[in-house]
Amino acid sequence: MAVKNNCIEDNIGLVYACAKRFVNRGIEYDDIVQAGCLGLTKAFRAFDKTRGTQFSTYAVPVILGEIKQLFRENSSLKVSRALKDLSLKISRETEKFLSQYGRSPSISELSTILGESKENIFEALEASQTPLSLTVKCDNTDEEIDVPIASEEEKISAKLSLAQAIGELNEIDKNLIILRFFKGKTQTQTAKILGINQVAVSRKEKVILKTLRAKLQ
């Protein structure tokens, strides 16, 4: 119990950092933090340090998942039960596909797997997204202001940050990411080029992507 409490106290900053990304979206900040703390607790219970991944790298996606789940459950948009059920099926199949192939499935692939039309798949995916208002109320006033949209400068900055993060990887990891996501190679093709097997590529790819996400956040 002491280890758990210490781990949560040491990493509570991750919760606050994730929660800040969801302010002014219709749910109280304290509720968002509470959902994030639940995610942090789940991450602690499931974390396997023998895999060589830092706890913070593993915990952030789990924390974000709990916060997003809170928004889905409190969505002001009325979504049909059929779409909700299809959305859950899509989520499960996407996880299976990602685990097997190391990438997310396309709408066409999901359509084939689930026996649903592409239109239904797309509608279910849209319904599962958290709505974001393009205006927010200013503190203590009824005045609304536009939510700022990323400028070209911010987009360029993001690309430069990604390039820098990739540049900090070791040579094998860097080549793996370039082959997979910049040259469009399959995991099998990448494995042959790097002289390792496909399973190793899949495992390394997941770890590298988590590391990059953590650095960019």
Protein backbone atom coordinates (compact mmCIF):
# COMPACT_ATOMS: atom_id res chain seq x y z
CA MET A 1 0.00 0.00 0.00
CA ALA A 2 2.86 2.37 0.87
CA VAL A 3 4.51 1.70 -2.51
CA LYS A 4 1.24 2.44 -4.29
CA ASN A 5 0.67 5.69 -2.40
CA ASN A 6 4.23 6.84 -3.04
CA CYS A 7 3.96 6.04 -6.75
CA ILE A 8 0.69 7.97 -7.08
CA GLU A 9 2.03 10.95 -5.13
CA ASP A 10 5.20 11.02 -7.24
CA ASN A 11 3.22 10.94 -10.49
CA ILE A 12 0.14 13.03 -9.65
CA GLY A 13 1.60 15.74 -11.86
CA LEU A 14 0.80 13.55 -14.86
CA VAL A 15 -2.89 13.73 -13.94
CA TYR A 16 -2.87 17.52 -13.69
CA ALA A 17 -0.99 17.84 -16.98
CA CYS A 18 -3.53 15.62 -18.76
CA ALA A 19 -6.52 17.29 -17.08
CA LYS A 20 -5.46 20.76 -18.30
CA ARG A 21 -6.02 19.60 -21.87
CA PHE A 22 -9.74 19.15 -21.17
CA VAL A 23 -10.71 22.33 -19.32
CA ASN A 24 -13.69 24.38 -20.55
CA ARG A 25 -15.31 21.38 -22.23
CA GLY A 26 -18.41 21.12 -20.06
CA ILE A 27 -17.15 19.03 -17.13
CA GLU A 28 -15.81 20.38 -13.84
CA TYR A 29 -12.03 20.35 -13.51
CA ASP A 30 -12.19 18.43 -10.21
CA ASP A 31 -14.19 15.66 -11.90
CA ILE A 32 -11.62 15.48 -14.70
CA VAL A 33 -8.81 15.19 -12.15
CA GLN A 34 -10.73 12.48 -10.30
CA ALA A 35 -11.05 10.46 -13.54
CA GLY A 36 -7.34 11.01 -14.18
CA CYS A 37 -6.48 9.73 -10.70
CA LEU A 38 -8.52 6.60 -11.41
CA GLY A 39 -6.47 6.14 -14.59
CA LEU A 40 -3.24 6.62 -12.63
CA THR A 41 -4.33 3.95 -10.14
CA LYS A 42 -5.21 1.53 -12.95
CA ALA A 43 -1.85 2.20 -14.59
CA PHE A 44 -0.05 1.40 -11.33
CA ARG A 45 -1.90 -1.91 -10.98
CA ALA A 46 -1.20 -3.00 -14.56
CA PHE A 47 2.35 -1.67 -14.97
CA ASP A 48 5.06 -4.24 -15.64
CA LYS A 49 8.48 -2.71 -15.04
CA THR A 50 10.23 -5.75 -16.52
CA ARG A 51 9.24 -4.54 -20.01
CA GLY A 52 11.73 -1.69 -19.77
CA THR A 53 9.15 1.09 -20.16
CA GLN A 54 9.09 4.07 -17.81
CA PHE A 55 5.98 4.26 -15.64
CA SER A 56 5.15 7.78 -16.82
CA THR A 57 5.26 6.65 -20.46
CA TYR A 58 2.86 3.81 -19.69
CA ALA A 59 0.56 5.84 -17.41
CA VAL A 60 -0.25 8.84 -19.61
CA PRO A 61 -2.36 6.94 -22.21
CA VAL A 62 -4.24 5.18 -19.39
CA ILE A 63 -4.96 8.50 -17.66
CA LEU A 64 -6.15 10.07 -20.91
CA GLY A 65 -8.31 7.03 -21.58
CA GLU A 66 -10.16 7.44 -18.27
CA ILE A 67 -10.68 11.16 -18.86
CA LYS A 68 -12.01 10.57 -22.37
CA GLN A 69 -14.31 7.87 -21.01
CA LEU A 70 -15.73 10.45 -18.57
CA PHE A 71 -16.55 12.75 -21.47
CA ARG A 72 -18.12 9.93 -23.48
CA GLU A 73 -20.36 9.03 -20.56
CA ASN A 74 -21.37 12.67 -20.06
CA SER A 75 -21.74 13.60 -23.71
CA SER A 76 -24.58 16.02 -24.34
CA LEU A 77 -25.13 14.49 -27.77
CA LYS A 78 -27.73 11.74 -27.94
CA VAL A 79 -26.23 8.71 -29.58
CA SER A 80 -28.33 5.67 -30.43
CA ARG A 81 -27.75 2.42 -28.56
CA ALA A 82 -26.85 0.72 -31.86
CA LEU A 83 -24.09 3.27 -32.54
CA LYS A 84 -22.78 2.97 -28.97
CA ASP A 85 -22.64 -0.83 -29.29
CA LEU A 86 -20.91 -0.58 -32.67
CA SER A 87 -18.45 1.93 -31.24
CA LEU A 88 -17.52 -0.52 -28.46
CA LYS A 89 -17.06 -3.32 -31.02
CA ILE A 90 -14.83 -1.04 -33.10
CA SER A 91 -12.75 -0.24 -30.02
CA ARG A 92 -12.25 -3.93 -29.20
CA GLU A 93 -11.41 -4.92 -32.77
CA THR A 94 -9.04 -1.97 -33.14
CA GLU A 95 -7.09 -3.10 -30.07
CA LYS A 96 -6.87 -6.65 -31.45
CA PHE A 97 -5.79 -5.39 -34.88
CA LEU A 98 -3.20 -3.03 -33.38
CA SER A 99 -1.78 -5.85 -31.26
CA GLN A 100 -1.53 -8.17 -34.27
CA TYR A 101 -0.38 -5.80 -37.02
CA GLY A 102 1.18 -2.88 -35.13
CA ARG A 103 -1.13 -0.27 -36.66
CA SER A 104 -4.74 0.85 -36.48
CA PRO A 105 -7.17 -0.65 -39.01
CA SER A 106 -8.68 1.42 -41.80
CA ILE A 107 -12.43 2.00 -42.08
CA SER A 108 -12.52 -0.51 -44.94
CA GLU A 109 -10.80 -3.14 -42.80
CA LEU A 110 -13.14 -2.50 -39.87
CA SER A 111 -16.08 -2.77 -42.27
CA THR A 112 -14.89 -6.22 -43.41
CA ILE A 113 -14.09 -7.44 -39.89
CA LEU A 114 -17.42 -6.36 -38.38
CA GLY A 115 -19.64 -6.93 -41.40
CA GLU A 116 -20.88 -3.33 -41.28
CA SER A 117 -21.04 -0.72 -44.02
CA LYS A 118 -18.28 1.87 -44.19
CA GLU A 119 -20.91 4.55 -43.55
CA ASN A 120 -21.95 2.89 -40.28
CA ILE A 121 -18.34 2.49 -39.20
CA PHE A 122 -17.60 6.15 -39.90
CA GLU A 123 -20.77 7.30 -38.11
CA ALA A 124 -19.93 5.21 -35.05
CA LEU A 125 -16.39 6.59 -34.97
CA GLU A 126 -17.72 10.14 -35.21
CA ALA A 127 -20.26 9.50 -32.44
CA SER A 128 -17.53 8.24 -30.11
CA GLN A 129 -15.53 11.48 -30.34
CA THR A 130 -15.81 14.08 -27.59
CA PRO A 131 -17.51 17.22 -28.95
CA LEU A 132 -15.53 20.44 -28.60
CA SER A 133 -17.19 23.84 -28.67
CA LEU A 134 -15.48 26.46 -30.82
CA THR A 135 -16.26 29.11 -28.20
CA VAL A 136 -15.72 29.26 -24.45
CA LYS A 137 -17.07 31.60 -21.78
CA CYS A 138 -14.67 34.00 -20.14
CA ASP A 139 -14.31 33.74 -16.38
CA ASN A 140 -16.98 35.65 -14.41
CA THR A 141 -18.63 37.02 -17.56
CA ASP A 142 -21.16 35.92 -20.15
CA GLU A 143 -18.82 36.93 -22.96
CA GLU A 144 -17.61 34.15 -25.25
CA ILE A 145 -14.35 33.99 -27.15
CA ASP A 146 -13.22 31.76 -29.97
CA VAL A 147 -11.10 28.74 -29.13
CA PRO A 148 -7.72 29.37 -30.77
CA ILE A 149 -6.86 27.05 -33.66
CA ALA A 150 -3.29 25.96 -34.19
CA SER A 151 -1.44 28.37 -36.48
CA GLU A 152 0.99 27.38 -39.19
CA GLU A 153 3.81 28.36 -36.85
CA GLU A 154 2.49 25.97 -34.20
CA LYS A 155 2.20 23.19 -36.78
CA ILE A 156 5.78 23.78 -37.87
CA SER A 157 6.87 23.81 -34.23
CA ALA A 158 5.12 20.48 -33.65
CA LYS A 159 6.89 18.96 -36.65
CA LEU A 160 10.23 20.24 -35.43
CA SER A 161 9.55 18.81 -31.96
CA LEU A 162 8.74 15.44 -33.52
CA ALA A 163 11.91 15.53 -35.61
CA GLN A 164 13.96 16.37 -32.53
CA ALA A 165 12.35 13.54 -30.52
CA ILE A 166 13.05 11.05 -33.31
CA GLY A 167 16.62 12.34 -33.57
CA GLU A 168 17.20 11.46 -29.91
CA LEU A 169 16.40 7.79 -30.54
CA ASN A 170 19.16 5.25 -31.00
CA GLU A 171 20.03 4.32 -34.59
CA ILE A 172 17.93 1.13 -34.78
CA ASP A 173 14.82 2.73 -33.25
CA LYS A 174 15.21 5.79 -35.47
CA ASN A 175 15.48 3.65 -38.62
CA LEU A 176 12.48 1.59 -37.54
CA ILE A 177 10.27 4.68 -37.22
CA ILE A 178 11.50 6.12 -40.52
CA LEU A 179 10.89 2.86 -42.37
CA ARG A 180 7.45 2.30 -40.85
CA PHE A 181 5.95 5.79 -40.85
CA PHE A 182 7.89 7.82 -43.39
CA LYS A 183 8.67 5.20 -46.04
CA GLY A 184 5.49 3.14 -45.59
CA LYS A 185 7.22 -0.20 -45.05
CA THR A 186 5.32 -3.08 -43.46
CA GLN A 187 6.55 -4.64 -40.25
CA THR A 188 7.78 -7.66 -42.21
CA GLN A 189 9.70 -5.49 -44.68
CA THR A 190 11.13 -3.43 -41.83
CA ALA A 191 12.23 -6.58 -40.01
CA LYS A 192 14.15 -7.81 -43.07
CA ILE A 193 15.90 -4.47 -43.53
CA LEU A 194 16.88 -4.24 -39.87
CA GLY A 195 17.82 -7.90 -39.58
CA ILE A 196 15.30 -8.73 -36.82
CA ASN A 197 12.00 -10.61 -36.78
CA GLN A 198 8.53 -9.15 -37.21
CA VAL A 199 7.54 -9.75 -33.59
CA ALA A 200 10.54 -7.73 -32.42
CA VAL A 201 9.57 -4.89 -34.76
CA SER A 202 6.02 -4.90 -33.38
CA ARG A 203 7.17 -4.81 -29.77
CA LYS A 204 9.84 -2.16 -30.33
CA GLU A 205 7.44 -0.03 -32.33
CA LYS A 206 4.91 0.13 -29.47
CA VAL A 207 7.59 1.10 -26.96
CA ILE A 208 9.09 3.73 -29.27
CA LEU A 209 5.70 5.32 -30.02
CA LYS A 210 4.90 5.54 -26.31
CA THR A 211 8.28 7.17 -25.71
CA LEU A 212 7.70 9.72 -28.48
CA ARG A 213 4.21 10.54 -27.21
CA ALA A 214 5.58 11.12 -23.70
CA LYS A 215 8.31 13.45 -25.02
CA LEU A 216 5.87 15.44 -27.14
CA GLN A 217 3.41 15.83 -24.26
